[in-house]
Amino acid sequence: MTMNTTTTTTTITTSTIAVLGAGRVGTTLAAGLAAAGHRVTLGVRDPGTAAARSDASVSAVATAIANSDLVINATPGDGSLERLTGHREALAGKVLLDVSNATVRSADGLPGGLLHRDTSLGELLQAALPATKVVKGLNTMLFSVMTSPGALRNPPTAFLSGDDPDAKDLVRAVLSSLGWQDDWVVDLGDISTARGTEAVALLVPSLLGSVGFVPFAIAVAR
């Protein structure tokens, strides 16, 4: 059921966006962002194979990064640090929205533990990419909710963590274009606050076992 609301949203701006990763998260984000009017390129290691799975423009990772204002990391979190560190120079000066969770996978493929204890993937990415403005967000929901937040019965919450206010403002504007109302987006503070949202991944296996594979998001009730 779509929610009706009169909440004022952030002014929507068009951005050139590189989405890294051609899995369900990456292709869903690419399609939703393109439909919202952004210029989107899916950055992948094998453009020929990914082109058949996406309506967005597809290119090599380095090319997608070079031609973007905003880069979204939708690669599997357990390998994201190594992948993105390999593009340190290309990512310099960019805003990087990291939507991944770095977890140890159990036998069923679901999160079985945190890969980076006492820290977070967001923090490690910021430390490894000091010239990049890292923002953590959209990592506490099923991928379909990222681009269709209004499809839920209750308002979801998108948490943001990052050190740069301007980078978070850009992410807010992009989220607004996807239907995220201003008061659904909560700025938690600097990048160290990503530890809390990344830990939510440990709730996913039991949550899916209880409610099934349906759209969901963690939300703040207030």
C-alpha atoms as a PDB file:
ATOM      1  CA  MET A   1       0.000   0.000   0.000  1.00  0.00           C
ATOM      2  CA  THR A   2       1.418   3.406  -0.948  1.00  0.00           C
ATOM      3  CA  MET A   3       1.524   5.996   1.828  1.00  0.00           C
ATOM      4  CA  ASN A   4       0.028   9.463   1.383  1.00  0.00           C
ATOM      5  CA  THR A   5       2.058  12.293   2.876  1.00  0.00           C
ATOM      6  CA  THR A   6       2.374  16.047   2.684  1.00  0.00           C
ATOM      7  CA  THR A   7       5.891  16.184   4.134  1.00  0.00           C
ATOM      8  CA  THR A   8       8.186  18.622   2.328  1.00  0.00           C
ATOM      9  CA  THR A   9      11.137  16.960   0.639  1.00  0.00           C
ATOM     10  CA  THR A  10      14.660  18.046  -0.215  1.00  0.00           C
ATOM     11  CA  THR A  11      14.960  19.808  -3.568  1.00  0.00           C
ATOM     12  CA  ILE A  12      15.540  17.148  -6.215  1.00  0.00           C
ATOM     13  CA  THR A  13      18.637  17.544  -8.352  1.00  0.00           C
ATOM     14  CA  THR A  14      19.833  15.429 -11.240  1.00  0.00           C
ATOM     15  CA  SER A  15      23.170  13.692 -10.731  1.00  0.00           C
ATOM     16  CA  THR A  16      25.499  11.556 -12.782  1.00  0.00           C
ATOM     17  CA  ILE A  17      25.757   8.333 -10.805  1.00  0.00           C
ATOM     18  CA  ALA A  18      27.943   5.251 -11.034  1.00  0.00           C
ATOM     19  CA  VAL A  19      26.475   2.145  -9.408  1.00  0.00           C
ATOM     20  CA  LEU A  20      29.163  -0.467  -8.760  1.00  0.00           C
ATOM     21  CA  GLY A  21      27.844  -4.034  -8.764  1.00  0.00           C
ATOM     22  CA  ALA A  22      25.378  -5.839 -11.006  1.00  0.00           C
ATOM     23  CA  GLY A  23      23.605  -8.001  -8.436  1.00  0.00           C
ATOM     24  CA  ARG A  24      20.050  -7.451  -7.210  1.00  0.00           C
ATOM     25  CA  VAL A  25      21.010  -4.396  -5.196  1.00  0.00           C
ATOM     26  CA  GLY A  26      23.010  -2.739  -7.954  1.00  0.00           C
ATOM     27  CA  THR A  27      20.550  -3.361 -10.767  1.00  0.00           C
ATOM     28  CA  THR A  28      17.591  -2.283  -8.617  1.00  0.00           C
ATOM     29  CA  LEU A  29      19.341   0.962  -7.694  1.00  0.00           C
ATOM     30  CA  ALA A  30      20.414   1.621 -11.279  1.00  0.00           C
ATOM     31  CA  ALA A  31      16.881   1.146 -12.603  1.00  0.00           C
ATOM     32  CA  GLY A  32      15.287   3.259  -9.877  1.00  0.00           C
ATOM     33  CA  LEU A  33      17.778   6.084 -10.209  1.00  0.00           C
ATOM     34  CA  ALA A  34      17.462   6.138 -13.998  1.00  0.00           C
ATOM     35  CA  ALA A  35      13.665   6.256 -13.692  1.00  0.00           C
ATOM     36  CA  ALA A  36      14.074   9.223 -11.310  1.00  0.00           C
ATOM     37  CA  GLY A  37      15.905  11.133 -14.035  1.00  0.00           C
ATOM     38  CA  HIS A  38      19.527  10.608 -13.093  1.00  0.00           C
ATOM     39  CA  ARG A  39      22.229   9.685 -15.577  1.00  0.00           C
ATOM     40  CA  VAL A  40      23.254   6.256 -14.377  1.00  0.00           C
ATOM     41  CA  THR A  41      26.091   3.947 -15.377  1.00  0.00           C
ATOM     42  CA  LEU A  42      26.462   0.443 -13.994  1.00  0.00           C
ATOM     43  CA  GLY A  43      30.168  -0.137 -13.329  1.00  0.00           C
ATOM     44  CA  VAL A  44      31.172  -3.801 -13.539  1.00  0.00           C
ATOM     45  CA  ARG A  45      34.166  -5.997 -14.235  1.00  0.00           C
ATOM     46  CA  ASP A  46      32.478  -7.668 -17.221  1.00  0.00           C
ATOM     47  CA  PRO A  47      30.344  -5.077 -19.065  1.00  0.00           C
ATOM     48  CA  GLY A  48      29.317  -7.530 -21.789  1.00  0.00           C
ATOM     49  CA  THR A  49      27.672  -9.934 -19.357  1.00  0.00           C
ATOM     50  CA  ALA A  50      26.042  -7.258 -17.184  1.00  0.00           C
ATOM     51  CA  ALA A  51      24.520  -5.424 -20.155  1.00  0.00           C
ATOM     52  CA  ALA A  52      22.029  -8.231 -20.621  1.00  0.00           C
ATOM     53  CA  ARG A  53      20.759  -7.814 -17.041  1.00  0.00           C
ATOM     54  CA  SER A  54      20.306  -4.051 -16.888  1.00  0.00           C
ATOM     55  CA  ASP A  55      18.549  -1.291 -18.798  1.00  0.00           C
ATOM     56  CA  ALA A  56      21.143   1.218 -17.571  1.00  0.00           C
ATOM     57  CA  SER A  57      24.313   2.115 -19.423  1.00  0.00           C
ATOM     58  CA  VAL A  58      27.065  -0.374 -18.550  1.00  0.00           C
ATOM     59  CA  SER A  59      30.816   0.199 -18.527  1.00  0.00           C
ATOM     60  CA  ALA A  60      34.019  -0.878 -16.826  1.00  0.00           C
ATOM     61  CA  VAL A  61      34.307   0.218 -13.206  1.00  0.00           C
ATOM     62  CA  ALA A  62      37.032   2.802 -13.803  1.00  0.00           C
ATOM     63  CA  THR A  63      35.080   4.453 -16.618  1.00  0.00           C
ATOM     64  CA  ALA A  64      31.880   4.601 -14.571  1.00  0.00           C
ATOM     65  CA  ILE A  65      33.691   6.215 -11.636  1.00  0.00           C
ATOM     66  CA  ALA A  66      35.463   8.786 -13.815  1.00  0.00           C
ATOM     67  CA  ASN A  67      32.197  10.001 -15.347  1.00  0.00           C
ATOM     68  CA  SER A  68      30.201  10.295 -12.104  1.00  0.00           C
ATOM     69  CA  ASP A  69      29.340  12.852  -9.429  1.00  0.00           C
ATOM     70  CA  LEU A  70      28.227  10.151  -7.012  1.00  0.00           C
ATOM     71  CA  VAL A  71      29.487   6.568  -6.763  1.00  0.00           C
ATOM     72  CA  ILE A  72      27.338   3.926  -5.074  1.00  0.00           C
ATOM     73  CA  ASN A  73      29.031   0.795  -3.759  1.00  0.00           C
ATOM     74  CA  ALA A  74      26.612  -2.100  -4.228  1.00  0.00           C
ATOM     75  CA  THR A  75      29.283  -4.792  -4.431  1.00  0.00           C
ATOM     76  CA  PRO A  76      29.308  -7.657  -1.892  1.00  0.00           C
ATOM     77  CA  GLY A  77      30.524  -6.137   1.354  1.00  0.00           C
ATOM     78  CA  ASP A  78      33.022  -8.863   2.176  1.00  0.00           C
ATOM     79  CA  GLY A  79      35.142  -7.815  -0.826  1.00  0.00           C
ATOM     80  CA  SER A  80      34.282  -4.122  -1.115  1.00  0.00           C
ATOM     81  CA  LEU A  81      37.334  -2.780   0.700  1.00  0.00           C
ATOM     82  CA  GLU A  82      39.768  -4.548  -1.609  1.00  0.00           C
ATOM     83  CA  ARG A  83      37.791  -3.679  -4.751  1.00  0.00           C
ATOM     84  CA  LEU A  84      37.412   0.009  -4.010  1.00  0.00           C
ATOM     85  CA  THR A  85      40.930   0.517  -2.702  1.00  0.00           C
ATOM     86  CA  GLY A  86      42.083  -0.564  -6.157  1.00  0.00           C
ATOM     87  CA  HIS A  87      40.342   2.541  -7.541  1.00  0.00           C
ATOM     88  CA  ARG A  88      41.680   5.002  -4.949  1.00  0.00           C
ATOM     89  CA  GLU A  89      42.889   7.602  -7.460  1.00  0.00           C
ATOM     90  CA  ALA A  90      39.693   7.519  -9.531  1.00  0.00           C
ATOM     91  CA  LEU A  91      37.571   7.897  -6.382  1.00  0.00           C
ATOM     92  CA  ALA A  92      39.513  10.926  -5.122  1.00  0.00           C
ATOM     93  CA  GLY A  93      37.163  13.894  -4.795  1.00  0.00           C
ATOM     94  CA  LYS A  94      34.049  11.761  -5.312  1.00  0.00           C
ATOM     95  CA  VAL A  95      31.148  11.135  -2.963  1.00  0.00           C
ATOM     96  CA  LEU A  96      30.871   7.412  -2.242  1.00  0.00           C
ATOM     97  CA  LEU A  97      27.553   6.070  -0.922  1.00  0.00           C
ATOM     98  CA  ASP A  98      28.239   2.656   0.582  1.00  0.00           C
ATOM     99  CA  VAL A  99      25.104   0.500   0.854  1.00  0.00           C
ATOM    100  CA  SER A 100      26.911  -2.787   1.561  1.00  0.00           C
ATOM    101  CA  ASN A 101      27.273  -4.783   4.765  1.00  0.00           C
ATOM    102  CA  ALA A 102      30.478  -6.730   5.377  1.00  0.00           C
ATOM    103  CA  THR A 103      29.443 -10.026   6.941  1.00  0.00           C
ATOM    104  CA  VAL A 104      30.701 -13.560   7.311  1.00  0.00           C
ATOM    105  CA  ARG A 105      28.327 -15.801   5.386  1.00  0.00           C
ATOM    106  CA  SER A 106      26.800 -18.877   6.967  1.00  0.00           C
ATOM    107  CA  ALA A 107      26.100 -22.083   5.033  1.00  0.00           C
ATOM    108  CA  ASP A 108      22.768 -20.736   3.723  1.00  0.00           C
ATOM    109  CA  GLY A 109      24.438 -17.619   2.362  1.00  0.00           C
ATOM    110  CA  LEU A 110      22.881 -15.289   4.924  1.00  0.00           C
ATOM    111  CA  PRO A 111      24.865 -13.109   7.356  1.00  0.00           C
ATOM    112  CA  GLY A 112      26.409 -15.167  10.131  1.00  0.00           C
ATOM    113  CA  GLY A 113      28.612 -12.548  11.759  1.00  0.00           C
ATOM    114  CA  LEU A 114      30.346  -9.224  11.213  1.00  0.00           C
ATOM    115  CA  LEU A 115      33.506  -9.354   9.119  1.00  0.00           C
ATOM    116  CA  HIS A 116      34.995  -6.234  10.710  1.00  0.00           C
ATOM    117  CA  ARG A 117      34.540  -6.313  14.469  1.00  0.00           C
ATOM    118  CA  ASP A 118      34.966  -3.135  16.552  1.00  0.00           C
ATOM    119  CA  THR A 119      34.798  -1.041  13.386  1.00  0.00           C
ATOM    120  CA  SER A 120      32.744  -0.917  10.194  1.00  0.00           C
ATOM    121  CA  LEU A 121      33.161  -1.212   6.446  1.00  0.00           C
ATOM    122  CA  GLY A 122      32.227   2.463   6.180  1.00  0.00           C
ATOM    123  CA  GLU A 123      35.045   3.489   8.502  1.00  0.00           C
ATOM    124  CA  LEU A 124      37.564   1.252   6.759  1.00  0.00           C
ATOM    125  CA  LEU A 125      36.597   2.651   3.362  1.00  0.00           C
ATOM    126  CA  GLN A 126      37.005   6.228   4.618  1.00  0.00           C
ATOM    127  CA  ALA A 127      40.414   5.402   6.102  1.00  0.00           C
ATOM    128  CA  ALA A 128      41.554   3.659   2.913  1.00  0.00           C
ATOM    129  CA  LEU A 129      40.147   6.419   0.674  1.00  0.00           C
ATOM    130  CA  PRO A 130      41.022   9.650   2.517  1.00  0.00           C
ATOM    131  CA  ALA A 131      40.352  11.846  -0.540  1.00  0.00           C
ATOM    132  CA  THR A 132      36.863  10.352  -0.979  1.00  0.00           C
ATOM    133  CA  LYS A 133      33.772  11.511   0.925  1.00  0.00           C
ATOM    134  CA  VAL A 134      32.203   8.290   2.229  1.00  0.00           C
ATOM    135  CA  VAL A 135      28.565   8.162   3.301  1.00  0.00           C
ATOM    136  CA  LYS A 136      26.988   5.009   4.714  1.00  0.00           C
ATOM    137  CA  GLY A 137      23.287   4.500   4.049  1.00  0.00           C
ATOM    138  CA  LEU A 138      20.428   2.339   2.725  1.00  0.00           C
ATOM    139  CA  ASN A 139      21.969  -0.737   4.369  1.00  0.00           C
ATOM    140  CA  THR A 140      19.149  -1.462   6.846  1.00  0.00           C
ATOM    141  CA  MET A 141      16.436  -2.584   4.418  1.00  0.00           C
ATOM    142  CA  LEU A 142      15.621  -5.066   1.685  1.00  0.00           C
ATOM    143  CA  PHE A 143      17.013  -3.841  -1.628  1.00  0.00           C
ATOM    144  CA  SER A 144      13.593  -3.179  -3.167  1.00  0.00           C
ATOM    145  CA  VAL A 145      12.809  -0.565  -0.499  1.00  0.00           C
ATOM    146  CA  MET A 146      15.848   1.531  -1.491  1.00  0.00           C
ATOM    147  CA  THR A 147      14.056   2.798  -4.586  1.00  0.00           C
ATOM    148  CA  SER A 148      10.421   2.361  -3.447  1.00  0.00           C
ATOM    149  CA  PRO A 149      10.183   3.505   0.185  1.00  0.00           C
ATOM    150  CA  GLY A 150       6.584   4.615  -0.227  1.00  0.00           C
ATOM    151  CA  ALA A 151       5.464   1.067  -1.011  1.00  0.00           C
ATOM    152  CA  LEU A 152       5.651   0.093   2.679  1.00  0.00           C
ATOM    153  CA  ARG A 153       2.644   0.450   4.986  1.00  0.00           C
ATOM    154  CA  ASN A 154       4.717   2.396   7.516  1.00  0.00           C
ATOM    155  CA  PRO A 155       7.397   5.035   6.896  1.00  0.00           C
ATOM    156  CA  PRO A 156      10.881   3.478   6.716  1.00  0.00           C
ATOM    157  CA  THR A 157      14.086   5.105   7.936  1.00  0.00           C
ATOM    158  CA  ALA A 158      17.260   5.689   5.935  1.00  0.00           C
ATOM    159  CA  PHE A 159      20.197   6.248   8.281  1.00  0.00           C
ATOM    160  CA  LEU A 160      23.188   8.292   7.084  1.00  0.00           C
ATOM    161  CA  SER A 161      26.704   8.204   8.534  1.00  0.00           C
ATOM    162  CA  GLY A 162      29.568  10.310   7.211  1.00  0.00           C
ATOM    163  CA  ASP A 163      32.111  12.981   8.004  1.00  0.00           C
ATOM    164  CA  ASP A 164      31.249  15.452   5.241  1.00  0.00           C
ATOM    165  CA  PRO A 165      27.983  17.453   5.512  1.00  0.00           C
ATOM    166  CA  ASP A 166      27.943  18.391   1.823  1.00  0.00           C
ATOM    167  CA  ALA A 167      28.311  14.744   0.810  1.00  0.00           C
ATOM    168  CA  LYS A 168      25.351  13.824   3.007  1.00  0.00           C
ATOM    169  CA  ASP A 169      23.338  16.658   1.475  1.00  0.00           C
ATOM    170  CA  LEU A 170      23.987  15.238  -1.995  1.00  0.00           C
ATOM    171  CA  VAL A 171      22.874  11.781  -0.835  1.00  0.00           C
ATOM    172  CA  ARG A 172      19.742  13.296   0.739  1.00  0.00           C
ATOM    173  CA  ALA A 173      18.863  14.977  -2.553  1.00  0.00           C
ATOM    174  CA  VAL A 174      19.270  11.716  -4.463  1.00  0.00           C
ATOM    175  CA  LEU A 175      17.168   9.846  -1.889  1.00  0.00           C
ATOM    176  CA  SER A 176      14.495  12.522  -2.228  1.00  0.00           C
ATOM    177  CA  SER A 177      14.303  11.814  -5.946  1.00  0.00           C
ATOM    178  CA  LEU A 178      13.556   8.178  -5.078  1.00  0.00           C
ATOM    179  CA  GLY A 179      10.637   9.125  -2.831  1.00  0.00           C
ATOM    180  CA  TRP A 180      12.378   9.377   0.549  1.00  0.00           C
ATOM    181  CA  GLN A 181      10.734  12.111   2.612  1.00  0.00           C
ATOM    182  CA  ASP A 182      13.021  14.412   4.608  1.00  0.00           C
ATOM    183  CA  ASP A 183      11.850  13.136   7.983  1.00  0.00           C
ATOM    184  CA  TRP A 184      12.450   9.527   6.921  1.00  0.00           C
ATOM    185  CA  VAL A 185      16.180  10.256   6.624  1.00  0.00           C
ATOM    186  CA  VAL A 186      18.128  10.342   9.905  1.00  0.00           C
ATOM    187  CA  ASP A 187      21.669  11.714  10.073  1.00  0.00           C
ATOM    188  CA  LEU A 188      23.420   9.679  12.763  1.00  0.00           C
ATOM    189  CA  GLY A 189      26.661  11.680  12.677  1.00  0.00           C
ATOM    190  CA  ASP A 190      30.189  10.845  11.579  1.00  0.00           C
ATOM    191  CA  ILE A 191      31.286   7.681   9.798  1.00  0.00           C
ATOM    192  CA  SER A 192      31.916   5.822  13.079  1.00  0.00           C
ATOM    193  CA  THR A 193      28.141   5.613  13.540  1.00  0.00           C
ATOM    194  CA  ALA A 194      28.044   3.158  10.649  1.00  0.00           C
ATOM    195  CA  ARG A 195      28.961   0.461  13.173  1.00  0.00           C
ATOM    196  CA  GLY A 196      25.413   0.445  14.485  1.00  0.00           C
ATOM    197  CA  THR A 197      23.636   0.246  11.146  1.00  0.00           C
ATOM    198  CA  GLU A 198      25.985  -2.402   9.775  1.00  0.00           C
ATOM    199  CA  ALA A 199      25.296  -4.569  12.838  1.00  0.00           C
ATOM    200  CA  VAL A 200      21.613  -4.639  11.821  1.00  0.00           C
ATOM    201  CA  ALA A 201      22.630  -7.169   9.157  1.00  0.00           C
ATOM    202  CA  LEU A 202      22.819  -9.796  11.909  1.00  0.00           C
ATOM    203  CA  LEU A 203      19.072  -9.416  12.426  1.00  0.00           C
ATOM    204  CA  VAL A 204      18.259 -10.264   8.806  1.00  0.00           C
ATOM    205  CA  PRO A 205      18.335 -14.109   8.919  1.00  0.00           C
ATOM    206  CA  SER A 206      15.910 -14.389  11.838  1.00  0.00           C
ATOM    207  CA  LEU A 207      13.758 -11.579  10.455  1.00  0.00           C
ATOM    208  CA  LEU A 208      13.413 -13.264   7.072  1.00  0.00           C
ATOM    209  CA  GLY A 209      12.649 -16.528   8.848  1.00  0.00           C
ATOM    210  CA  SER A 210       9.848 -14.829  10.756  1.00  0.00           C
ATOM    211  CA  VAL A 211       8.198 -12.578   8.154  1.00  0.00           C
ATOM    212  CA  GLY A 212       9.448 -14.141   4.920  1.00  0.00           C
ATOM    213  CA  PHE A 213      11.250 -12.582   1.960  1.00  0.00           C
ATOM    214  CA  VAL A 214       9.124  -9.457   1.781  1.00  0.00           C
ATOM    215  CA  PRO A 215      10.043  -5.762   1.550  1.00  0.00           C
ATOM    216  CA  PHE A 216      11.063  -4.429   4.958  1.00  0.00           C
ATOM    217  CA  ALA A 217      13.140  -1.677   6.522  1.00  0.00           C
ATOM    218  CA  ILE A 218      14.308  -0.815  10.004  1.00  0.00           C
ATOM    219  CA  ALA A 219      12.418   2.293  11.128  1.00  0.00           C
ATOM    220  CA  VAL A 220      12.449   4.734  14.024  1.00  0.00           C
ATOM    221  CA  ALA A 221       8.998   5.074  15.621  1.00  0.00           C
ATOM    222  CA  ARG A 222       8.506   8.514  17.168  1.00  0.00           C
END
